[in-house]
N, C-alpha and C. Protein backbone atom coordinates (compact mmCIF):
# COMPACT_ATOMS: atom_id res chain seq x y z
N MET A 1 2.12 -48.85 -36.81
CA MET A 1 3.17 -47.91 -36.42
C MET A 1 2.64 -46.49 -36.58
N ALA A 2 2.61 -45.78 -35.49
CA ALA A 2 2.08 -44.41 -35.50
C ALA A 2 3.13 -43.44 -36.03
N GLU A 3 2.68 -42.58 -36.90
CA GLU A 3 3.56 -41.54 -37.44
C GLU A 3 3.53 -40.33 -36.50
N VAL A 4 4.67 -39.68 -36.36
CA VAL A 4 4.70 -38.42 -35.63
C VAL A 4 4.09 -37.37 -36.56
N ALA A 5 3.17 -36.58 -36.02
CA ALA A 5 2.47 -35.59 -36.83
C ALA A 5 3.42 -34.51 -37.33
N THR A 6 3.17 -34.03 -38.53
CA THR A 6 3.96 -32.93 -39.06
C THR A 6 3.47 -31.62 -38.44
N GLU A 7 4.27 -30.59 -38.59
CA GLU A 7 3.88 -29.27 -38.08
C GLU A 7 2.53 -28.84 -38.65
N GLN A 8 2.32 -29.08 -39.95
CA GLN A 8 1.06 -28.69 -40.58
C GLN A 8 -0.11 -29.49 -40.04
N GLN A 9 0.08 -30.78 -39.79
CA GLN A 9 -0.99 -31.61 -39.23
C GLN A 9 -1.37 -31.13 -37.83
N ILE A 10 -0.37 -30.78 -37.04
CA ILE A 10 -0.63 -30.28 -35.68
C ILE A 10 -1.36 -28.94 -35.77
N LEU A 11 -0.88 -28.07 -36.65
CA LEU A 11 -1.52 -26.76 -36.83
C LEU A 11 -2.98 -26.92 -37.26
N ASP A 12 -3.23 -27.81 -38.21
CA ASP A 12 -4.60 -28.05 -38.69
C ASP A 12 -5.48 -28.60 -37.56
N GLY A 13 -4.95 -29.54 -36.81
CA GLY A 13 -5.71 -30.12 -35.70
C GLY A 13 -6.00 -29.09 -34.63
N LEU A 14 -5.01 -28.28 -34.33
CA LEU A 14 -5.18 -27.23 -33.32
C LEU A 14 -6.20 -26.20 -33.79
N ALA A 15 -6.15 -25.83 -35.06
CA ALA A 15 -7.11 -24.87 -35.62
C ALA A 15 -8.52 -25.41 -35.51
N GLU A 16 -8.68 -26.71 -35.76
CA GLU A 16 -9.99 -27.34 -35.67
C GLU A 16 -10.50 -27.32 -34.22
N ILE A 17 -9.62 -27.62 -33.28
CA ILE A 17 -9.97 -27.60 -31.86
C ILE A 17 -10.40 -26.19 -31.45
N ILE A 18 -9.63 -25.19 -31.84
CA ILE A 18 -9.94 -23.80 -31.48
C ILE A 18 -11.27 -23.38 -32.09
N ASP A 19 -11.51 -23.78 -33.33
CA ASP A 19 -12.78 -23.47 -33.99
C ASP A 19 -13.94 -24.10 -33.22
N ASP A 20 -13.78 -25.36 -32.82
CA ASP A 20 -14.83 -26.07 -32.09
C ASP A 20 -15.11 -25.43 -30.73
N ILE A 21 -14.07 -25.04 -30.02
CA ILE A 21 -14.23 -24.56 -28.65
C ILE A 21 -14.63 -23.09 -28.58
N VAL A 22 -13.98 -22.24 -29.36
CA VAL A 22 -14.26 -20.80 -29.25
C VAL A 22 -14.81 -20.17 -30.53
N GLY A 23 -14.96 -20.98 -31.58
CA GLY A 23 -15.60 -20.48 -32.79
C GLY A 23 -14.75 -19.53 -33.63
N ILE A 24 -13.43 -19.64 -33.50
CA ILE A 24 -12.54 -18.81 -34.33
C ILE A 24 -12.26 -19.58 -35.61
N ASP A 25 -12.48 -18.92 -36.75
CA ASP A 25 -12.28 -19.55 -38.04
C ASP A 25 -10.87 -20.13 -38.15
N LYS A 26 -10.80 -21.33 -38.72
CA LYS A 26 -9.52 -22.03 -38.83
C LYS A 26 -8.47 -21.21 -39.58
N ALA A 27 -8.90 -20.41 -40.53
CA ALA A 27 -7.96 -19.59 -41.31
C ALA A 27 -7.28 -18.53 -40.44
N GLU A 28 -7.91 -18.18 -39.31
CA GLU A 28 -7.34 -17.17 -38.41
C GLU A 28 -6.23 -17.75 -37.53
N VAL A 29 -6.21 -19.07 -37.40
CA VAL A 29 -5.26 -19.72 -36.50
C VAL A 29 -3.96 -19.99 -37.25
N THR A 30 -3.02 -19.07 -37.12
CA THR A 30 -1.72 -19.19 -37.78
C THR A 30 -0.63 -19.20 -36.72
N PRO A 31 0.57 -19.74 -37.05
CA PRO A 31 1.60 -19.94 -36.05
C PRO A 31 1.97 -18.70 -35.23
N GLU A 32 1.95 -17.53 -35.85
CA GLU A 32 2.41 -16.34 -35.13
C GLU A 32 1.35 -15.72 -34.22
N LYS A 33 0.13 -16.23 -34.26
CA LYS A 33 -0.96 -15.65 -33.47
C LYS A 33 -0.78 -15.95 -31.98
N ASN A 34 -0.97 -14.90 -31.17
CA ASN A 34 -0.95 -15.03 -29.72
C ASN A 34 -2.37 -15.35 -29.26
N PHE A 35 -2.52 -16.34 -28.40
CA PHE A 35 -3.85 -16.78 -27.98
C PHE A 35 -4.64 -15.65 -27.32
N ILE A 36 -4.02 -14.90 -26.44
CA ILE A 36 -4.72 -13.87 -25.69
C ILE A 36 -4.85 -12.59 -26.52
N ASP A 37 -3.74 -12.08 -27.03
CA ASP A 37 -3.74 -10.78 -27.71
C ASP A 37 -4.41 -10.81 -29.08
N ASP A 38 -4.12 -11.85 -29.87
CA ASP A 38 -4.61 -11.90 -31.25
C ASP A 38 -5.94 -12.65 -31.39
N LEU A 39 -6.09 -13.74 -30.64
CA LEU A 39 -7.27 -14.58 -30.81
C LEU A 39 -8.29 -14.37 -29.70
N ASP A 40 -7.93 -13.58 -28.68
CA ASP A 40 -8.84 -13.23 -27.58
C ASP A 40 -9.40 -14.48 -26.90
N ILE A 41 -8.51 -15.43 -26.60
CA ILE A 41 -8.90 -16.66 -25.92
C ILE A 41 -8.56 -16.52 -24.44
N ASP A 42 -9.55 -16.75 -23.57
CA ASP A 42 -9.29 -16.61 -22.14
C ASP A 42 -8.68 -17.89 -21.57
N SER A 43 -8.27 -17.82 -20.30
CA SER A 43 -7.55 -18.93 -19.69
C SER A 43 -8.43 -20.18 -19.57
N LEU A 44 -9.71 -20.01 -19.33
CA LEU A 44 -10.60 -21.16 -19.23
C LEU A 44 -10.69 -21.89 -20.57
N SER A 45 -10.84 -21.12 -21.64
CA SER A 45 -10.88 -21.72 -22.98
C SER A 45 -9.55 -22.38 -23.32
N MET A 46 -8.45 -21.79 -22.86
CA MET A 46 -7.12 -22.38 -23.12
C MET A 46 -7.01 -23.75 -22.46
N VAL A 47 -7.58 -23.90 -21.27
CA VAL A 47 -7.56 -25.21 -20.60
C VAL A 47 -8.36 -26.22 -21.43
N GLU A 48 -9.53 -25.80 -21.93
CA GLU A 48 -10.33 -26.69 -22.78
C GLU A 48 -9.56 -27.08 -24.05
N ILE A 49 -8.88 -26.10 -24.65
CA ILE A 49 -8.09 -26.36 -25.85
C ILE A 49 -6.96 -27.33 -25.53
N ALA A 50 -6.30 -27.13 -24.39
CA ALA A 50 -5.20 -28.01 -23.99
C ALA A 50 -5.69 -29.44 -23.80
N VAL A 51 -6.83 -29.60 -23.13
CA VAL A 51 -7.38 -30.95 -22.90
C VAL A 51 -7.70 -31.62 -24.25
N ALA A 52 -8.33 -30.87 -25.15
CA ALA A 52 -8.65 -31.43 -26.47
C ALA A 52 -7.38 -31.77 -27.24
N ALA A 53 -6.35 -30.92 -27.14
CA ALA A 53 -5.08 -31.18 -27.83
C ALA A 53 -4.40 -32.41 -27.24
N GLN A 54 -4.48 -32.56 -25.93
CA GLN A 54 -3.91 -33.75 -25.29
C GLN A 54 -4.56 -35.01 -25.82
N ASP A 55 -5.90 -34.97 -25.94
CA ASP A 55 -6.63 -36.13 -26.46
C ASP A 55 -6.27 -36.41 -27.91
N GLN A 56 -6.22 -35.35 -28.72
CA GLN A 56 -5.98 -35.53 -30.16
C GLN A 56 -4.55 -35.96 -30.46
N PHE A 57 -3.57 -35.36 -29.75
CA PHE A 57 -2.17 -35.60 -30.10
C PHE A 57 -1.45 -36.56 -29.15
N GLY A 58 -2.12 -36.96 -28.07
CA GLY A 58 -1.53 -37.92 -27.15
C GLY A 58 -0.35 -37.37 -26.37
N VAL A 59 -0.38 -36.09 -26.07
CA VAL A 59 0.68 -35.49 -25.25
C VAL A 59 0.06 -34.89 -23.99
N GLU A 60 0.82 -34.90 -22.91
CA GLU A 60 0.37 -34.30 -21.66
C GLU A 60 0.87 -32.86 -21.62
N ILE A 61 -0.04 -31.93 -21.38
CA ILE A 61 0.35 -30.52 -21.26
C ILE A 61 0.08 -30.09 -19.82
N PRO A 62 1.11 -30.11 -18.95
CA PRO A 62 0.92 -29.73 -17.56
C PRO A 62 0.50 -28.26 -17.44
N ASP A 63 -0.25 -27.94 -16.37
CA ASP A 63 -0.73 -26.57 -16.16
C ASP A 63 0.40 -25.55 -16.17
N ASP A 64 1.53 -25.88 -15.54
CA ASP A 64 2.63 -24.92 -15.50
C ASP A 64 3.22 -24.69 -16.89
N GLU A 65 3.17 -25.70 -17.74
CA GLU A 65 3.63 -25.54 -19.13
C GLU A 65 2.63 -24.71 -19.93
N LEU A 66 1.34 -24.95 -19.69
CA LEU A 66 0.29 -24.27 -20.44
C LEU A 66 0.44 -22.75 -20.33
N ARG A 67 0.82 -22.27 -19.16
CA ARG A 67 1.01 -20.82 -18.96
C ARG A 67 2.10 -20.25 -19.87
N ASN A 68 3.05 -21.08 -20.26
CA ASN A 68 4.17 -20.63 -21.10
C ASN A 68 3.87 -20.70 -22.59
N LEU A 69 2.75 -21.32 -22.95
CA LEU A 69 2.40 -21.47 -24.36
C LEU A 69 1.56 -20.28 -24.79
N LYS A 70 2.22 -19.27 -25.33
CA LYS A 70 1.56 -17.99 -25.63
C LYS A 70 1.03 -17.91 -27.06
N THR A 71 1.70 -18.59 -27.99
CA THR A 71 1.32 -18.51 -29.39
C THR A 71 0.94 -19.89 -29.93
N VAL A 72 0.30 -19.88 -31.07
CA VAL A 72 -0.06 -21.13 -31.74
C VAL A 72 1.21 -21.94 -32.00
N LYS A 73 2.27 -21.27 -32.43
CA LYS A 73 3.55 -21.94 -32.72
C LYS A 73 4.12 -22.60 -31.46
N ASP A 74 3.95 -21.95 -30.29
CA ASP A 74 4.43 -22.55 -29.03
C ASP A 74 3.78 -23.91 -28.80
N VAL A 75 2.48 -24.00 -29.05
CA VAL A 75 1.77 -25.26 -28.85
C VAL A 75 2.23 -26.30 -29.88
N VAL A 76 2.36 -25.89 -31.13
CA VAL A 76 2.86 -26.80 -32.17
C VAL A 76 4.22 -27.36 -31.77
N ASN A 77 5.13 -26.48 -31.34
CA ASN A 77 6.47 -26.91 -30.93
C ASN A 77 6.40 -27.85 -29.73
N PHE A 78 5.53 -27.53 -28.77
CA PHE A 78 5.39 -28.37 -27.57
C PHE A 78 4.92 -29.77 -27.97
N VAL A 79 3.89 -29.83 -28.82
CA VAL A 79 3.36 -31.13 -29.24
C VAL A 79 4.44 -31.92 -29.98
N GLN A 80 5.16 -31.25 -30.89
CA GLN A 80 6.21 -31.94 -31.65
C GLN A 80 7.30 -32.47 -30.71
N GLY A 81 7.62 -31.72 -29.68
CA GLY A 81 8.68 -32.12 -28.77
C GLY A 81 8.27 -33.20 -27.78
N HIS A 82 6.97 -33.41 -27.60
CA HIS A 82 6.51 -34.34 -26.59
C HIS A 82 5.71 -35.52 -27.13
N GLU A 83 5.56 -35.58 -28.44
CA GLU A 83 4.86 -36.73 -29.03
C GLU A 83 5.66 -37.99 -28.81
N ALA A 84 4.95 -39.07 -28.62
CA ALA A 84 5.64 -40.35 -28.52
C ALA A 84 6.21 -40.69 -29.90
N PRO A 85 7.49 -41.02 -29.96
CA PRO A 85 8.07 -41.35 -31.27
C PRO A 85 7.46 -42.64 -31.83
N ALA A 86 7.45 -42.74 -33.12
CA ALA A 86 6.91 -43.93 -33.77
C ALA A 86 7.73 -45.15 -33.36
N LYS A 87 7.06 -46.23 -33.06
CA LYS A 87 7.76 -47.48 -32.70
C LYS A 87 8.09 -48.23 -33.98
N SER A 88 9.33 -48.72 -34.03
CA SER A 88 9.71 -49.45 -35.24
C SER A 88 9.76 -50.92 -34.99
């Protein structure tokens, strides 16, 4: 039975993905950070991050949704809202 990830688990996983793809220290990846303004992540890197997040968390992030995910917290909320619930 798969557990739905907690906000902290998603944040940690996302920070690891961002570190791997663009080399931003995990400590810099906090919920209030804006990908473009604060973390200086371009749209191409965001697509790579989205693909990695889809693989890690098992959620589909459509391109039109990706444009609306401006902050780290937006992605955490999106993943939490779209994760497959645990089967009982």
